[in-house]
Every structure is written in structure tokens, then in C-alpha cells.
Amino acid sequence: MNPPTIFRAPKWLLALVAVGLIALGAAGGLLAARAIPELSLGQTSAKDSNTQIVQAVTREQQVVLLSLGIQGIATKTSKSTFLGLAVPGSSRSTFLQYSFQAKLGLEGGQVRVTPTADNSYRVSIPAFTFIGHSDESFQMASEKNGALSWVTPKIDTNEMITALLNDEAQAQYVAQHQSELQSQAESFYSQLISGIDPTATVVFEYVG
């Protein structure tokens, strides 16, 4: 009895089959990508852009938006009283000349950016704040004292300086420049976002 004959395919036929399988696999992969749009490169790019914008905007540091040159003359007057009545000629008046640079801005870590649609973002701006001051100069401009001013305690210029820079004064500086601060904030963050995505649309809201 003769042994069974073993069929051996030519090498060229094996190569042709391998090429066909590779082509079939590539076509199947293309169809799968079209059937599942979430896997497309465009979606990945958009997510990467969103992440970059969020990281760029929500920086953990103070952002200086305005630097103001403030100067003026502060005046304080005091007098002595006796039995509830002012003592004539006992008044003291001090005139203090001052100047300094005030820095106004916001806490960058409190800014929030939220993607709202394709290439659209909402930026939430916290309350503006007095960040700091520099280049301070305080000097006595003049004094005006009555004939009996010696009965009235001298005016403390340190208290006058403190009043120019205390929390109440700082809040007034911020309140006086709200519109400029909003304009600077919108310009700053718009440029920051457009530097990453030039086609982005940005809407601002103020939550402070």
C-alpha cells in the first residue's frame, strides 16, 4: 500500500495568501475606525487641547492685572475738649505726602475654565484683590498747630500710613478700578487660550 501523498503549496501561492490577509486586516481596521468615531485622531486632539488650556489657565499663583501709581496728601486734624466743648486754639493738623505702586489682580488658582462645546470655553473669574505694594514714600508735608496745641497729643504719622494701606483702603482701590480689572482679565485669558487654540471662543463670568 502506497503512503498518502502530502500536498506542498508553492511558495508564490503562500506569499499571495499572506498579502491578501494583510490587506483584509487593514480594510477591517479602517471600517472599525469609521464605525467608532470616538477613536478618531480628531477627538484625541480636541481632548489634548482642552487639557492644555485648563492647565495653562488654572495656574497656582497670583496674577497681576494692574499696577497703579498712587500719590496724594493725607490730612489728619485733632483737638482737645473740655466738658464736651472744643478748646479754642488746641487743634493740630498734619499733612502727610505719600506715593506708592499698588498691584491689583486675582488668585490664579481660583480661576476655572470649562469647555462648553467644540472650541468654546467658559472662564470663571474670582473676586479681584489687592496683591501688594512697592516703592513707598511717606514724608511730612506740613503741620498747622493752634496757639494751645501743646495741650493736644501729637498726631501719630504711623497711624496715618497704616490707614492708607489697611484692608479698607485696599478694598477701595480695587472697587475704584473694577472696569479696568475686568478688561485686563478678559484680555489676559483670551490671549492665553488663543495661543493654544486660535479658533477658540471664550465667555467670561465673574463669580467673586
Protein backbone atom coordinates (compact mmCIF):
# COMPACT_ATOMS: atom_id res chain seq x y z
CA MET A 1 0.00 0.00 0.00
CA ASN A 2 1.46 3.35 -1.08
CA PRO A 3 1.81 6.15 1.63
CA PRO A 4 -0.58 9.15 1.29
CA THR A 5 0.62 11.98 -0.85
CA ILE A 6 1.35 15.27 1.04
CA PHE A 7 0.36 18.42 -0.86
CA ARG A 8 3.02 21.15 -0.74
CA ALA A 9 1.83 24.59 -1.89
CA PRO A 10 4.25 26.64 -3.97
CA LYS A 11 5.98 29.50 -2.17
CA TRP A 12 4.48 32.06 -4.50
CA LEU A 13 0.97 30.90 -3.55
CA LEU A 14 1.75 31.20 0.20
CA ALA A 15 3.06 34.72 -0.32
CA LEU A 16 -0.08 35.70 -2.24
CA VAL A 17 -2.30 34.43 0.55
CA ALA A 18 -0.30 36.34 3.20
CA VAL A 19 -0.61 39.60 1.28
CA GLY A 20 -4.35 39.05 0.94
CA LEU A 21 -4.73 38.52 4.69
CA ILE A 22 -2.79 41.71 5.48
CA ALA A 23 -4.94 43.75 3.10
CA LEU A 24 -8.10 42.27 4.60
CA GLY A 25 -6.96 43.17 8.10
CA ALA A 26 -6.17 46.78 7.10
CA ALA A 27 -9.61 47.17 5.49
CA GLY A 28 -11.26 45.80 8.60
CA GLY A 29 -9.37 48.27 10.80
CA LEU A 30 -10.43 51.19 8.60
CA LEU A 31 -14.07 50.14 8.79
CA ALA A 32 -13.83 49.84 12.59
CA ALA A 33 -12.38 53.36 12.88
CA ARG A 34 -15.23 54.73 10.77
CA ALA A 35 -17.81 52.87 12.82
CA ILE A 36 -16.38 54.22 16.13
CA PRO A 37 -15.71 57.99 15.66
CA GLU A 38 -14.53 58.32 19.29
CA LEU A 39 -11.32 56.59 18.27
CA SER A 40 -10.51 59.12 15.56
CA LEU A 41 -7.45 61.32 15.86
CA GLY A 42 -9.57 64.48 15.80
CA GLN A 43 -11.23 63.63 19.10
CA THR A 44 -7.89 62.91 20.75
CA SER A 45 -6.51 66.23 19.53
CA ALA A 46 -9.52 68.11 20.94
CA LYS A 47 -9.13 66.46 24.33
CA ASP A 48 -5.42 67.29 24.36
CA SER A 49 -6.22 70.92 23.51
CA ASN A 50 -8.79 71.12 26.33
CA THR A 51 -6.30 69.72 28.81
CA GLN A 52 -3.58 72.17 27.74
CA ILE A 53 -5.95 75.14 28.06
CA VAL A 54 -7.17 74.10 31.51
CA GLN A 55 -3.60 73.64 32.74
CA ALA A 56 -2.50 76.98 31.27
CA VAL A 57 -5.37 78.97 32.77
CA THR A 58 -5.61 77.48 36.26
CA ARG A 59 -2.09 78.40 37.31
CA GLU A 60 -1.45 78.33 41.05
CA GLN A 61 -0.13 81.86 41.50
CA GLN A 62 -1.27 85.44 41.82
CA VAL A 63 -1.86 87.26 38.53
CA VAL A 64 -1.10 91.00 38.49
CA LEU A 65 -3.51 92.75 36.14
CA LEU A 66 -2.95 96.41 37.07
CA SER A 67 -0.06 98.37 38.53
CA LEU A 68 -1.15 101.77 39.81
CA GLY A 69 0.96 104.77 40.72
CA ILE A 70 -0.85 106.24 43.73
CA GLN A 71 0.07 109.56 45.29
CA GLY A 72 -1.55 112.27 47.35
CA ILE A 73 -1.60 114.17 50.63
CA ALA A 74 -3.34 112.74 53.68
CA THR A 75 -4.67 115.13 56.30
CA LYS A 76 -5.50 114.49 59.93
CA THR A 77 -6.74 117.02 62.49
CA SER A 78 -7.29 116.60 66.22
CA LYS A 79 -8.19 118.93 69.10
CA SER A 80 -8.74 118.83 72.82
CA THR A 81 -12.09 119.18 74.53
CA PHE A 82 -13.15 120.29 77.99
CA LEU A 83 -16.57 119.37 79.40
CA GLY A 84 -17.58 118.27 75.93
CA LEU A 85 -16.56 121.54 74.31
CA ALA A 86 -13.63 122.06 71.94
CA VAL A 87 -10.79 124.07 73.44
CA PRO A 88 -10.13 127.07 71.16
CA GLY A 89 -6.63 127.11 69.66
CA SER A 90 -5.91 123.49 70.67
CA SER A 91 -6.13 121.96 67.21
CA ARG A 92 -3.30 120.14 65.46
CA SER A 93 -3.25 119.38 61.72
CA THR A 94 -0.75 117.14 59.96
CA PHE A 95 -0.33 116.88 56.18
CA LEU A 96 1.42 113.71 55.01
CA GLN A 97 2.60 113.39 51.42
CA TYR A 98 2.63 109.81 50.12
CA SER A 99 3.21 107.75 46.98
CA PHE A 100 3.48 104.04 46.19
CA GLN A 101 2.88 101.46 43.49
CA ALA A 102 -0.20 99.28 44.07
CA LYS A 103 -0.58 95.88 42.38
CA LEU A 104 -4.12 94.66 41.74
CA GLY A 105 -5.13 91.31 40.30
CA LEU A 106 -6.53 87.92 41.28
CA GLU A 107 -5.64 84.50 42.63
CA GLY A 108 -4.84 82.41 39.56
CA GLY A 109 -5.57 79.15 41.36
CA GLN A 110 -9.22 80.21 41.79
CA VAL A 111 -9.82 80.76 38.06
CA ARG A 112 -11.87 77.98 36.46
CA VAL A 113 -12.11 77.14 32.76
CA THR A 114 -14.82 74.82 31.47
CA PRO A 115 -15.14 73.51 27.89
CA THR A 116 -18.76 74.17 26.84
CA ALA A 117 -18.69 72.96 23.21
CA ASP A 118 -16.27 72.43 20.36
CA ASN A 119 -13.65 75.21 20.66
CA SER A 120 -15.77 77.06 23.24
CA TYR A 121 -14.82 77.75 26.86
CA ARG A 122 -16.28 79.48 29.89
CA VAL A 123 -13.78 81.20 32.19
CA SER A 124 -14.93 81.90 35.75
CA ILE A 125 -13.12 84.86 37.32
CA PRO A 126 -12.94 85.17 41.14
CA ALA A 127 -13.02 88.42 43.11
CA PHE A 128 -10.23 90.83 42.33
CA THR A 129 -7.80 91.58 45.11
CA PHE A 130 -5.07 93.94 46.28
CA ILE A 131 -1.93 91.87 45.74
CA GLY A 132 0.74 94.17 47.16
CA HIS A 133 2.57 97.49 47.07
CA SER A 134 6.10 98.75 46.49
CA ASP A 135 8.21 101.91 46.11
CA GLU A 136 6.56 103.50 49.16
CA SER A 137 7.38 107.09 50.06
CA PHE A 138 5.90 108.95 53.06
CA GLN A 139 7.03 112.36 54.27
CA MET A 140 5.65 115.20 56.30
CA ALA A 141 4.40 117.96 54.02
CA SER A 142 3.46 120.47 56.73
CA GLU A 143 1.82 120.97 60.11
CA LYS A 144 -0.66 123.55 61.33
CA ASN A 145 -0.95 123.96 65.08
CA GLY A 146 -3.04 126.34 67.17
CA ALA A 147 -1.67 128.53 69.96
CA LEU A 148 -2.75 125.98 72.57
CA SER A 149 -1.91 122.89 70.53
CA TRP A 150 0.51 121.79 73.25
CA VAL A 151 -2.50 120.51 75.22
CA THR A 152 -3.35 118.13 72.37
CA PRO A 153 -1.31 114.93 71.85
CA LYS A 154 0.86 114.88 68.73
CA ILE A 155 -0.61 113.13 65.70
CA ASP A 156 0.92 109.71 65.04
CA THR A 157 2.06 109.64 61.40
CA ASN A 158 2.48 105.86 61.58
CA GLU A 159 -1.24 105.55 62.14
CA MET A 160 -1.82 107.73 59.11
CA ILE A 161 0.41 105.49 56.98
CA THR A 162 -1.36 102.37 58.23
CA ALA A 163 -4.72 103.89 57.30
CA LEU A 164 -3.50 104.39 53.73
CA LEU A 165 -2.67 100.68 53.34
CA ASN A 166 -5.12 98.83 55.60
CA ASP A 167 -7.74 96.35 54.38
CA GLU A 168 -10.41 99.01 53.97
CA ALA A 169 -8.15 101.20 51.83
CA GLN A 170 -7.08 98.22 49.72
CA ALA A 171 -10.72 97.29 49.07
CA GLN A 172 -11.39 100.85 47.92
CA TYR A 173 -8.52 100.74 45.42
CA VAL A 174 -9.93 97.52 43.95
CA ALA A 175 -13.51 98.87 43.84
CA GLN A 176 -12.37 102.05 42.06
CA HIS A 177 -10.77 100.03 39.25
CA GLN A 178 -13.27 97.21 38.67
CA SER A 179 -13.86 98.00 34.99
CA GLU A 180 -10.13 98.15 34.20
CA LEU A 181 -9.54 94.89 36.06
CA GLN A 182 -12.29 93.11 34.12
CA SER A 183 -10.95 94.40 30.82
CA GLN A 184 -7.41 93.28 31.67
CA ALA A 185 -8.58 89.87 32.90
CA GLU A 186 -10.51 89.19 29.69
CA SER A 187 -7.59 90.31 27.54
CA PHE A 188 -5.07 88.23 29.53
CA TYR A 189 -7.02 84.96 29.49
CA SER A 190 -8.25 85.38 25.91
CA GLN A 191 -4.67 85.69 24.71
CA LEU A 192 -3.64 82.74 26.86
CA ILE A 193 -6.31 80.48 25.35
CA SER A 194 -5.92 81.68 21.76
CA GLY A 195 -2.21 80.96 22.00
CA ILE A 196 -3.13 77.28 22.31
CA ASP A 197 -6.31 77.26 20.20
CA PRO A 198 -6.62 80.30 17.87
CA THR A 199 -10.18 79.29 16.90
CA ALA A 200 -11.46 79.15 20.49
CA THR A 201 -14.49 81.15 21.63
CA VAL A 202 -14.28 82.40 25.22
CA VAL A 203 -17.11 83.58 27.51
CA PHE A 204 -16.37 85.16 30.90
CA GLU A 205 -18.34 85.09 34.12
CA TYR A 206 -17.50 86.85 37.38
CA VAL A 207 -18.15 84.81 40.50
CA GLY A 208 -16.41 86.99 43.07
